[in-house]
Amino acid sequence: MARFVGKLKKVDLGAGAWVLETEDGERPLDGPVPEDLEGRDVVVEGKEAALFGFAMTGGQGIRVKKVSAAE
C-alpha cells in the first residue's frame, strides 16, 4: 500500500471523476472518495494502477483504499 499526497479535485468529464492533483500532475482515482474533502489537501492510501474509465481520465491512476485530510 502506498501513500499519495495532493489536492482532491472533481473534474467535469463524463459523469464526473475524482483526481488527485500532485506536483507531477493529475492522477485519476478509483474507489471511495469522501465528497466533503473536495478542494482540500489529502492523503490517499492505495496502489498505482492503469485506469481507463467512462470519465476518460485514463492513464496511471490510483486504486483508492482510503482518503483522509492531510495534516
Protein backbone atom coordinates (compact mmCIF):
# COMPACT_ATOMS: atom_id res chain seq x y z
CA MET A 1 0.00 0.00 0.00
CA ALA A 2 1.39 3.40 -0.99
CA ARG A 3 0.57 6.93 0.18
CA PHE A 4 -0.01 9.79 -2.24
CA VAL A 5 -0.38 13.45 -1.22
CA GLY A 6 -2.10 16.22 -3.17
CA LYS A 7 -5.27 18.24 -3.65
CA LEU A 8 -8.55 16.39 -4.20
CA LYS A 9 -10.45 17.66 -7.21
CA LYS A 10 -13.61 16.61 -9.05
CA VAL A 11 -13.35 17.02 -12.81
CA ASP A 12 -16.33 17.54 -15.07
CA LEU A 13 -15.70 14.76 -17.59
CA GLY A 14 -18.47 12.35 -18.47
CA ALA A 15 -20.38 11.64 -15.27
CA GLY A 16 -17.60 13.31 -13.27
CA ALA A 17 -14.42 11.84 -11.87
CA TRP A 18 -12.12 12.34 -8.91
CA VAL A 19 -8.45 13.16 -9.40
CA LEU A 20 -5.54 13.81 -7.09
CA GLU A 21 -3.63 16.89 -8.18
CA THR A 22 0.05 16.34 -7.30
CA GLU A 23 3.32 18.07 -8.16
CA ASP A 24 3.66 15.57 -11.02
CA GLY A 25 0.19 16.23 -12.48
CA GLU A 26 -3.28 14.80 -12.07
CA ARG A 27 -3.83 11.17 -11.11
CA PRO A 28 -7.31 9.65 -11.61
CA LEU A 29 -8.80 7.92 -8.56
CA ASP A 30 -10.82 4.71 -8.49
CA GLY A 31 -12.65 3.87 -5.29
CA PRO A 32 -14.41 5.56 -2.37
CA VAL A 33 -13.78 9.31 -2.12
CA PRO A 34 -15.41 11.50 0.59
CA GLU A 35 -17.02 14.44 -1.22
CA ASP A 36 -16.57 16.73 1.80
CA LEU A 37 -12.79 16.74 1.17
CA GLU A 38 -13.11 18.26 -2.33
CA GLY A 39 -10.60 21.09 -2.83
CA ARG A 40 -8.56 20.15 0.24
CA ASP A 41 -5.09 18.68 0.62
CA VAL A 42 -5.46 14.96 1.25
CA VAL A 43 -3.54 11.74 1.73
CA VAL A 44 -4.67 8.84 -0.46
CA GLU A 45 -3.75 5.30 0.53
CA GLY A 46 -3.89 2.80 -2.30
CA LYS A 47 -1.93 1.33 -5.15
CA GLU A 48 -0.96 2.52 -8.60
CA ALA A 49 -2.94 1.02 -11.47
CA ALA A 50 -3.65 1.64 -15.13
CA LEU A 51 -7.15 3.14 -15.10
CA PHE A 52 -9.41 3.52 -18.11
CA GLY A 53 -12.95 4.60 -17.35
CA PHE A 54 -16.04 6.26 -18.68
CA ALA A 55 -14.77 9.64 -17.45
CA MET A 56 -11.92 9.40 -19.98
CA THR A 57 -9.24 10.08 -17.38
CA GLY A 58 -7.24 7.02 -18.41
CA GLY A 59 -3.63 6.54 -17.56
CA GLN A 60 -1.65 5.74 -14.44
CA GLY A 61 -4.03 6.29 -11.55
CA ILE A 62 -4.67 5.15 -8.01
CA ARG A 63 -6.98 2.41 -6.74
CA VAL A 64 -8.17 4.00 -3.52
CA LYS A 65 -8.24 2.21 -0.20
CA LYS A 66 -8.66 5.32 1.99
CA VAL A 67 -8.71 9.12 1.63
CA SER A 68 -8.10 11.41 4.62
CA ALA A 69 -7.38 15.09 5.18
CA ALA A 70 -3.69 15.99 5.17
CA GLU A 71 -2.32 17.33 8.44
